[in-house]
Amino acid sequence: MSAPGETGILLEDLFRRLAGCIGAHLTRLLGPVNLDLAEESVQETMLRALQSWPSQGVPENAVAWLFRVAHNAAIDAVRRWP
C-alpha cells in the first residue's frame, strides 16, 4: 500500500512521460480516425490507477500495467460501439 500523495506524484510523472507513447500505441491499434478514443483511454487509465494504486499498491511493472489497461479500455470501447 502506498500513500495517495506518493501515488499521485508517481502517476503525474508517468503521465508526463508516457501519455504520448500510450496514445500513439492506441492510435496505431485503432487508426488515426479514433484519436479521440485513444486519448480518452489514456485518461481513463490514469484515473483507474489513481483509484486503485493507493489501496492495492503500485504494480511491479507500472508502465506495462498502464499500457495493458489503456489497451483493454480502448478495445472494450470499440466492442461497445453500435
PDB file of N, CA and C in Angstrom:
ATOM      1  N   MET A   1       0.851  -1.161   0.000  1.00  0.00           N
ATOM      2  CA  MET A   1       0.000   0.000   0.000  1.00  0.00           C
ATOM      3  C   MET A   1       0.904   1.234   0.000  1.00  0.00           C
ATOM      4  N   SER A   2       0.550   2.237  -0.787  1.00  0.00           N
ATOM      5  CA  SER A   2       1.348   3.456  -0.833  1.00  0.00           C
ATOM      6  C   SER A   2       0.467   4.646  -0.493  1.00  0.00           C
ATOM      7  N   ALA A   3       1.089   5.717  -0.069  1.00  0.00           N
ATOM      8  CA  ALA A   3       0.348   6.919   0.293  1.00  0.00           C
ATOM      9  C   ALA A   3      -0.257   7.547  -0.955  1.00  0.00           C
ATOM     10  N   PRO A   4      -1.481   8.066  -0.869  1.00  0.00           N
ATOM     11  CA  PRO A   4      -2.118   8.674  -2.036  1.00  0.00           C
ATOM     12  C   PRO A   4      -1.292   9.790  -2.658  1.00  0.00           C
ATOM     13  N   GLY A   5      -0.620  10.589  -1.824  1.00  0.00           N
ATOM     14  CA  GLY A   5       0.209  11.668  -2.361  1.00  0.00           C
ATOM     15  C   GLY A   5       1.374  11.149  -3.173  1.00  0.00           C
ATOM     16  N   GLU A   6       2.005  10.099  -2.673  1.00  0.00           N
ATOM     17  CA  GLU A   6       3.123   9.491  -3.392  1.00  0.00           C
ATOM     18  C   GLU A   6       2.660   8.897  -4.721  1.00  0.00           C
ATOM     19  N   THR A   7       1.499   8.266  -4.679  1.00  0.00           N
ATOM     20  CA  THR A   7       0.956   7.669  -5.903  1.00  0.00           C
ATOM     21  C   THR A   7       0.632   8.753  -6.918  1.00  0.00           C
ATOM     22  N   GLY A   8       0.067   9.850  -6.451  1.00  0.00           N
ATOM     23  CA  GLY A   8      -0.250  10.959  -7.351  1.00  0.00           C
ATOM     24  C   GLY A   8       0.980  11.534  -8.007  1.00  0.00           C
ATOM     25  N   ILE A   9       2.048  11.677  -7.246  1.00  0.00           N
ATOM     26  CA  ILE A   9       3.301  12.205  -7.790  1.00  0.00           C
ATOM     27  C   ILE A   9       3.878  11.234  -8.822  1.00  0.00           C
ATOM     28  N   LEU A  10       3.864   9.943  -8.504  1.00  0.00           N
ATOM     29  CA  LEU A  10       4.352   8.932  -9.445  1.00  0.00           C
ATOM     30  C   LEU A  10       3.530   8.957 -10.731  1.00  0.00           C
ATOM     31  N   LEU A  11       2.217   8.999 -10.586  1.00  0.00           N
ATOM     32  CA  LEU A  11       1.360   8.997 -11.774  1.00  0.00           C
ATOM     33  C   LEU A  11       1.516  10.264 -12.599  1.00  0.00           C
ATOM     34  N   GLU A  12       1.713  11.377 -11.942  1.00  0.00           N
ATOM     35  CA  GLU A  12       1.941  12.619 -12.682  1.00  0.00           C
ATOM     36  C   GLU A  12       3.191  12.492 -13.542  1.00  0.00           C
ATOM     37  N   ASP A  13       4.253  11.944 -12.958  1.00  0.00           N
ATOM     38  CA  ASP A  13       5.489  11.734 -13.710  1.00  0.00           C
ATOM     39  C   ASP A  13       5.273  10.755 -14.860  1.00  0.00           C
ATOM     40  N   LEU A  14       4.605   9.641 -14.573  1.00  0.00           N
ATOM     41  CA  LEU A  14       4.359   8.651 -15.620  1.00  0.00           C
ATOM     42  C   LEU A  14       3.474   9.225 -16.726  1.00  0.00           C
ATOM     43  N   PHE A  15       2.477  10.020 -16.343  1.00  0.00           N
ATOM     44  CA  PHE A  15       1.593  10.616 -17.350  1.00  0.00           C
ATOM     45  C   PHE A  15       2.388  11.540 -18.263  1.00  0.00           C
ATOM     46  N   ARG A  16       3.229  12.366 -17.685  1.00  0.00           N
ATOM     47  CA  ARG A  16       4.034  13.291 -18.497  1.00  0.00           C
ATOM     48  C   ARG A  16       4.960  12.537 -19.450  1.00  0.00           C
ATOM     49  N   ARG A  17       5.528  11.433 -18.978  1.00  0.00           N
ATOM     50  CA  ARG A  17       6.487  10.689 -19.798  1.00  0.00           C
ATOM     51  C   ARG A  17       5.828   9.738 -20.783  1.00  0.00           C
ATOM     52  N   LEU A  18       4.665   9.174 -20.427  1.00  0.00           N
ATOM     53  CA  LEU A  18       4.124   8.063 -21.210  1.00  0.00           C
ATOM     54  C   LEU A  18       2.812   8.328 -21.939  1.00  0.00           C
ATOM     55  N   ALA A  19       2.106   9.381 -21.604  1.00  0.00           N
ATOM     56  CA  ALA A  19       0.791   9.596 -22.213  1.00  0.00           C
ATOM     57  C   ALA A  19       0.888   9.625 -23.738  1.00  0.00           C
ATOM     58  N   GLY A  20       1.894  10.307 -24.255  1.00  0.00           N
ATOM     59  CA  GLY A  20       2.066  10.366 -25.707  1.00  0.00           C
ATOM     60  C   GLY A  20       2.378   9.007 -26.309  1.00  0.00           C
ATOM     61  N   CYS A  21       3.216   8.242 -25.636  1.00  0.00           N
ATOM     62  CA  CYS A  21       3.581   6.905 -26.133  1.00  0.00           C
ATOM     63  C   CYS A  21       2.377   5.963 -26.111  1.00  0.00           C
ATOM     64  N   ILE A  22       1.630   5.999 -25.025  1.00  0.00           N
ATOM     65  CA  ILE A  22       0.456   5.128 -24.928  1.00  0.00           C
ATOM     66  C   ILE A  22      -0.585   5.554 -25.954  1.00  0.00           C
ATOM     67  N   GLY A  23      -0.778   6.867 -26.090  1.00  0.00           N
ATOM     68  CA  GLY A  23      -1.726   7.369 -27.086  1.00  0.00           C
ATOM     69  C   GLY A  23      -1.327   6.981 -28.503  1.00  0.00           C
ATOM     70  N   ALA A  24      -0.029   7.054 -28.796  1.00  0.00           N
ATOM     71  CA  ALA A  24       0.455   6.666 -30.127  1.00  0.00           C
ATOM     72  C   ALA A  24       0.239   5.174 -30.364  1.00  0.00           C
ATOM     73  N   HIS A  25       0.502   4.365 -29.352  1.00  0.00           N
ATOM     74  CA  HIS A  25       0.276   2.917 -29.460  1.00  0.00           C
ATOM     75  C   HIS A  25      -1.197   2.638 -29.780  1.00  0.00           C
ATOM     76  N   LEU A  26      -2.094   3.295 -29.052  1.00  0.00           N
ATOM     77  CA  LEU A  26      -3.524   3.062 -29.271  1.00  0.00           C
ATOM     78  C   LEU A  26      -3.978   3.604 -30.620  1.00  0.00           C
ATOM     79  N   THR A  27      -3.390   4.696 -31.055  1.00  0.00           N
ATOM     80  CA  THR A  27      -3.745   5.254 -32.367  1.00  0.00           C
ATOM     81  C   THR A  27      -3.321   4.303 -33.477  1.00  0.00           C
ATOM     82  N   ARG A  28      -2.156   3.671 -33.327  1.00  0.00           N
ATOM     83  CA  ARG A  28      -1.739   2.662 -34.313  1.00  0.00           C
ATOM     84  C   ARG A  28      -2.695   1.475 -34.295  1.00  0.00           C
ATOM     85  N   LEU A  29      -3.144   1.110 -33.110  1.00  0.00           N
ATOM     86  CA  LEU A  29      -4.055  -0.018 -32.968  1.00  0.00           C
ATOM     87  C   LEU A  29      -5.430   0.288 -33.560  1.00  0.00           C
ATOM     88  N   LEU A  30      -5.950   1.475 -33.275  1.00  0.00           N
ATOM     89  CA  LEU A  30      -7.324   1.829 -33.643  1.00  0.00           C
ATOM     90  C   LEU A  30      -7.439   2.599 -34.945  1.00  0.00           C
ATOM     91  N   GLY A  31      -6.358   3.164 -35.411  1.00  0.00           N
ATOM     92  CA  GLY A  31      -6.381   4.005 -36.600  1.00  0.00           C
ATOM     93  C   GLY A  31      -6.507   5.468 -36.212  1.00  0.00           C
ATOM     94  N   PRO A  32      -5.984   6.367 -37.045  1.00  0.00           N
ATOM     95  CA  PRO A  32      -5.973   7.791 -36.718  1.00  0.00           C
ATOM     96  C   PRO A  32      -7.364   8.417 -36.582  1.00  0.00           C
ATOM     97  N   VAL A  33      -8.374   7.831 -37.195  1.00  0.00           N
ATOM     98  CA  VAL A  33      -9.730   8.391 -37.058  1.00  0.00           C
ATOM     99  C   VAL A  33     -10.247   8.239 -35.628  1.00  0.00           C
ATOM    100  N   ASN A  34      -9.620   7.395 -34.840  1.00  0.00           N
ATOM    101  CA  ASN A  34     -10.042   7.164 -33.459  1.00  0.00           C
ATOM    102  C   ASN A  34      -9.086   7.786 -32.449  1.00  0.00           C
ATOM    103  N   LEU A  35      -8.451   8.884 -32.833  1.00  0.00           N
ATOM    104  CA  LEU A  35      -7.519   9.555 -31.930  1.00  0.00           C
ATOM    105  C   LEU A  35      -8.202   9.968 -30.627  1.00  0.00           C
ATOM    106  N   ASP A  36      -9.445  10.454 -30.715  1.00  0.00           N
ATOM    107  CA  ASP A  36     -10.175  10.845 -29.502  1.00  0.00           C
ATOM    108  C   ASP A  36     -10.337   9.663 -28.556  1.00  0.00           C
ATOM    109  N   LEU A  37     -10.673   8.516 -29.097  1.00  0.00           N
ATOM    110  CA  LEU A  37     -10.831   7.313 -28.275  1.00  0.00           C
ATOM    111  C   LEU A  37      -9.503   6.932 -27.621  1.00  0.00           C
ATOM    112  N   ALA A  38      -8.417   7.056 -28.354  1.00  0.00           N
ATOM    113  CA  ALA A  38      -7.097   6.739 -27.799  1.00  0.00           C
ATOM    114  C   ALA A  38      -6.788   7.670 -26.625  1.00  0.00           C
ATOM    115  N   GLU A  39      -7.040   8.952 -26.800  1.00  0.00           N
ATOM    116  CA  GLU A  39      -6.763   9.914 -25.730  1.00  0.00           C
ATOM    117  C   GLU A  39      -7.662   9.673 -24.520  1.00  0.00           C
ATOM    118  N   GLU A  40      -8.924   9.375 -24.758  1.00  0.00           N
ATOM    119  CA  GLU A  40      -9.847   9.086 -23.658  1.00  0.00           C
ATOM    120  C   GLU A  40      -9.416   7.831 -22.899  1.00  0.00           C
ATOM    121  N   SER A  41      -8.923   6.847 -23.617  1.00  0.00           N
ATOM    122  CA  SER A  41      -8.466   5.612 -22.973  1.00  0.00           C
ATOM    123  C   SER A  41      -7.259   5.872 -22.084  1.00  0.00           C
ATOM    124  N   VAL A  42      -6.365   6.741 -22.523  1.00  0.00           N
ATOM    125  CA  VAL A  42      -5.197   7.088 -21.705  1.00  0.00           C
ATOM    126  C   VAL A  42      -5.658   7.771 -20.419  1.00  0.00           C
ATOM    127  N   GLN A  43      -6.571   8.719 -20.545  1.00  0.00           N
ATOM    128  CA  GLN A  43      -7.064   9.431 -19.365  1.00  0.00           C
ATOM    129  C   GLN A  43      -7.812   8.496 -18.419  1.00  0.00           C
ATOM    130  N   GLU A  44      -8.616   7.615 -18.978  1.00  0.00           N
ATOM    131  CA  GLU A  44      -9.345   6.643 -18.153  1.00  0.00           C
ATOM    132  C   GLU A  44      -8.370   5.740 -17.400  1.00  0.00           C
ATOM    133  N   THR A  45      -7.296   5.365 -18.060  1.00  0.00           N
ATOM    134  CA  THR A  45      -6.290   4.512 -17.434  1.00  0.00           C
ATOM    135  C   THR A  45      -5.626   5.216 -16.259  1.00  0.00           C
ATOM    136  N   MET A  46      -5.279   6.468 -16.439  1.00  0.00           N
ATOM    137  CA  MET A  46      -4.655   7.221 -15.355  1.00  0.00           C
ATOM    138  C   MET A  46      -5.620   7.353 -14.177  1.00  0.00           C
ATOM    139  N   LEU A  47      -6.893   7.560 -14.459  1.00  0.00           N
ATOM    140  CA  LEU A  47      -7.896   7.645 -13.401  1.00  0.00           C
ATOM    141  C   LEU A  47      -8.015   6.315 -12.659  1.00  0.00           C
ATOM    142  N   ARG A  48      -8.021   5.214 -13.398  1.00  0.00           N
ATOM    143  CA  ARG A  48      -8.069   3.890 -12.755  1.00  0.00           C
ATOM    144  C   ARG A  48      -6.865   3.666 -11.858  1.00  0.00           C
ATOM    145  N   ALA A  49      -5.703   4.103 -12.316  1.00  0.00           N
ATOM    146  CA  ALA A  49      -4.502   3.956 -11.497  1.00  0.00           C
ATOM    147  C   ALA A  49      -4.617   4.798 -10.229  1.00  0.00           C
ATOM    148  N   LEU A  50      -5.107   6.021 -10.354  1.00  0.00           N
ATOM    149  CA  LEU A  50      -5.278   6.874  -9.180  1.00  0.00           C
ATOM    150  C   LEU A  50      -6.250   6.269  -8.173  1.00  0.00           C
ATOM    151  N   GLN A  51      -7.230   5.538  -8.670  1.00  0.00           N
ATOM    152  CA  GLN A  51      -8.227   4.937  -7.786  1.00  0.00           C
ATOM    153  C   GLN A  51      -7.732   3.640  -7.156  1.00  0.00           C
ATOM    154  N   SER A  52      -6.958   2.850  -7.881  1.00  0.00           N
ATOM    155  CA  SER A  52      -6.602   1.531  -7.372  1.00  0.00           C
ATOM    156  C   SER A  52      -5.212   1.442  -6.752  1.00  0.00           C
ATOM    157  N   TRP A  53      -4.251   2.185  -7.232  1.00  0.00           N
ATOM    158  CA  TRP A  53      -2.890   2.039  -6.735  1.00  0.00           C
ATOM    159  C   TRP A  53      -2.722   2.411  -5.264  1.00  0.00           C
ATOM    160  N   PRO A  54      -3.381   3.458  -4.754  1.00  0.00           N
ATOM    161  CA  PRO A  54      -3.179   3.760  -3.326  1.00  0.00           C
ATOM    162  C   PRO A  54      -3.598   2.606  -2.404  1.00  0.00           C
ATOM    163  N   SER A  55      -4.649   1.899  -2.756  1.00  0.00           N
ATOM    164  CA  SER A  55      -5.125   0.818  -1.888  1.00  0.00           C
ATOM    165  C   SER A  55      -4.484  -0.531  -2.223  1.00  0.00           C
ATOM    166  N   GLN A  56      -4.240  -0.795  -3.493  1.00  0.00           N
ATOM    167  CA  GLN A  56      -3.703  -2.095  -3.910  1.00  0.00           C
ATOM    168  C   GLN A  56      -2.192  -2.083  -4.085  1.00  0.00           C
ATOM    169  N   GLY A  57      -1.614  -0.914  -4.082  1.00  0.00           N
ATOM    170  CA  GLY A  57      -0.176  -0.792  -4.281  1.00  0.00           C
ATOM    171  C   GLY A  57       0.170  -0.604  -5.751  1.00  0.00           C
ATOM    172  N   VAL A  58       1.299  -0.002  -5.980  1.00  0.00           N
ATOM    173  CA  VAL A  58       1.776   0.222  -7.345  1.00  0.00           C
ATOM    174  C   VAL A  58       2.244  -1.110  -7.904  1.00  0.00           C
ATOM    175  N   PRO A  59       1.803  -1.468  -9.104  1.00  0.00           N
ATOM    176  CA  PRO A  59       2.239  -2.742  -9.703  1.00  0.00           C
ATOM    177  C   PRO A  59       3.756  -2.783  -9.871  1.00  0.00           C
ATOM    178  N   GLU A  60       4.286  -3.988  -9.889  1.00  0.00           N
ATOM    179  CA  GLU A  60       5.729  -4.172 -10.054  1.00  0.00           C
ATOM    180  C   GLU A  60       6.217  -3.506 -11.337  1.00  0.00           C
ATOM    181  N   ASN A  61       5.469  -3.667 -12.419  1.00  0.00           N
ATOM    182  CA  ASN A  61       5.802  -3.025 -13.688  1.00  0.00           C
ATOM    183  C   ASN A  61       4.680  -2.049 -14.033  1.00  0.00           C
ATOM    184  N   ALA A  62       4.776  -0.852 -13.464  1.00  0.00           N
ATOM    185  CA  ALA A  62       3.714   0.145 -13.607  1.00  0.00           C
ATOM    186  C   ALA A  62       3.504   0.564 -15.063  1.00  0.00           C
ATOM    187  N   VAL A  63       4.574   0.655 -15.810  1.00  0.00           N
ATOM    188  CA  VAL A  63       4.464   1.067 -17.218  1.00  0.00           C
ATOM    189  C   VAL A  63       3.671   0.030 -18.007  1.00  0.00           C
ATOM    190  N   ALA A  64       3.983  -1.235 -17.829  1.00  0.00           N
ATOM    191  CA  ALA A  64       3.248  -2.301 -18.530  1.00  0.00           C
ATOM    192  C   ALA A  64       1.787  -2.303 -18.104  1.00  0.00           C
ATOM    193  N   TRP A  65       1.534  -2.072 -16.830  1.00  0.00           N
ATOM    194  CA  TRP A  65       0.155  -2.012 -16.331  1.00  0.00           C
ATOM    195  C   TRP A  65      -0.613  -0.909 -17.056  1.00  0.00           C
ATOM    196  N   LEU A  66      -0.006   0.264 -17.177  1.00  0.00           N
ATOM    197  CA  LEU A  66      -0.671   1.381 -17.847  1.00  0.00           C
ATOM    198  C   LEU A  66      -0.961   1.064 -19.313  1.00  0.00           C
ATOM    199  N   PHE A  67       0.017   0.493 -20.007  1.00  0.00           N
ATOM    200  CA  PHE A  67      -0.194   0.137 -21.415  1.00  0.00           C
ATOM    201  C   PHE A  67      -1.311  -0.899 -21.552  1.00  0.00           C
ATOM    202  N   ARG A  68      -1.313  -1.926 -20.708  1.00  0.00           N
ATOM    203  CA  ARG A  68      -2.296  -3.002 -20.805  1.00  0.00           C
ATOM    204  C   ARG A  68      -3.702  -2.490 -20.489  1.00  0.00           C
ATOM    205  N   VAL A  69      -3.830  -1.697 -19.436  1.00  0.00           N
ATOM    206  CA  VAL A  69      -5.152  -1.192 -19.061  1.00  0.00           C
ATOM    207  C   VAL A  69      -5.684  -0.236 -20.137  1.00  0.00           C
ATOM    208  N   ALA A  70      -4.830   0.605 -20.693  1.00  0.00           N
ATOM    209  CA  ALA A  70      -5.250   1.504 -21.769  1.00  0.00           C
ATOM    210  C   ALA A  70      -5.670   0.710 -23.006  1.00  0.00           C
ATOM    211  N   HIS A  71      -4.898  -0.298 -23.335  1.00  0.00           N
ATOM    212  CA  HIS A  71      -5.207  -1.166 -24.478  1.00  0.00           C
ATOM    213  C   HIS A  71      -6.573  -1.834 -24.274  1.00  0.00           C
ATOM    214  N   ASN A  72      -6.769  -2.400 -23.100  1.00  0.00           N
ATOM    215  CA  ASN A  72      -8.037  -3.071 -22.814  1.00  0.00           C
ATOM    216  C   ASN A  72      -9.211  -2.093 -22.812  1.00  0.00           C
ATOM    217  N   ALA A  73      -9.011  -0.893 -22.277  1.00  0.00           N
ATOM    218  CA  ALA A  73     -10.073   0.112 -22.260  1.00  0.00           C
ATOM    219  C   ALA A  73     -10.471   0.502 -23.682  1.00  0.00           C
ATOM    220  N   ALA A  74      -9.484   0.657 -24.550  1.00  0.00           N
ATOM    221  CA  ALA A  74      -9.771   1.014 -25.937  1.00  0.00           C
ATOM    222  C   ALA A  74     -10.518  -0.110 -26.653  1.00  0.00           C
ATOM    223  N   ILE A  75     -10.080  -1.330 -26.463  1.00  0.00           N
ATOM    224  CA  ILE A  75     -10.748  -2.476 -27.098  1.00  0.00           C
ATOM    225  C   ILE A  75     -12.173  -2.617 -26.578  1.00  0.00           C
ATOM    226  N   ASP A  76     -12.373  -2.453 -25.272  1.00  0.00           N
ATOM    227  CA  ASP A  76     -13.718  -2.520 -24.701  1.00  0.00           C
ATOM    228  C   ASP A  76     -14.618  -1.439 -25.280  1.00  0.00           C
ATOM    229  N   ALA A  77     -14.080  -0.235 -25.475  1.00  0.00           N
ATOM    230  CA  ALA A  77     -14.879   0.858 -26.056  1.00  0.00           C
ATOM    231  C   ALA A  77     -15.280   0.531 -27.491  1.00  0.00           C
ATOM    232  N   VAL A  78     -14.373  -0.059 -28.249  1.00  0.00           N
ATOM    233  CA  VAL A  78     -14.698  -0.437 -29.635  1.00  0.00           C
ATOM    234  C   VAL A  78     -15.771  -1.515 -29.644  1.00  0.00           C
ATOM    235  N   ARG A  79     -15.711  -2.442 -28.728  1.00  0.00           N
ATOM    236  CA  ARG A  79     -16.714  -3.515 -28.655  1.00  0.00           C
ATOM    237  C   ARG A  79     -18.107  -2.981 -28.319  1.00  0.00           C
ATOM    238  N   ARG A  80     -18.157  -1.874 -27.584  1.00  0.00           N
ATOM    239  CA  ARG A  80     -19.451  -1.288 -27.209  1.00  0.00           C
ATOM    240  C   ARG A  80     -20.080  -0.464 -28.323  1.00  0.00           C
ATOM    241  N   TRP A  81     -19.316  -0.158 -29.378  1.00  0.00           N
ATOM    242  CA  TRP A  81     -19.873   0.640 -30.457  1.00  0.00           C
ATOM    243  C   TRP A  81     -21.042  -0.100 -31.091  1.00  0.00           C
ATOM    244  N   PRO A  82     -22.050   0.674 -31.494  1.00  0.00           N
ATOM    245  CA  PRO A  82     -23.233   0.012 -32.105  1.00  0.00           C
ATOM    246  C   PRO A  82     -22.936  -0.685 -33.408  1.00  0.00           C
TER     247      PRO A  82
END
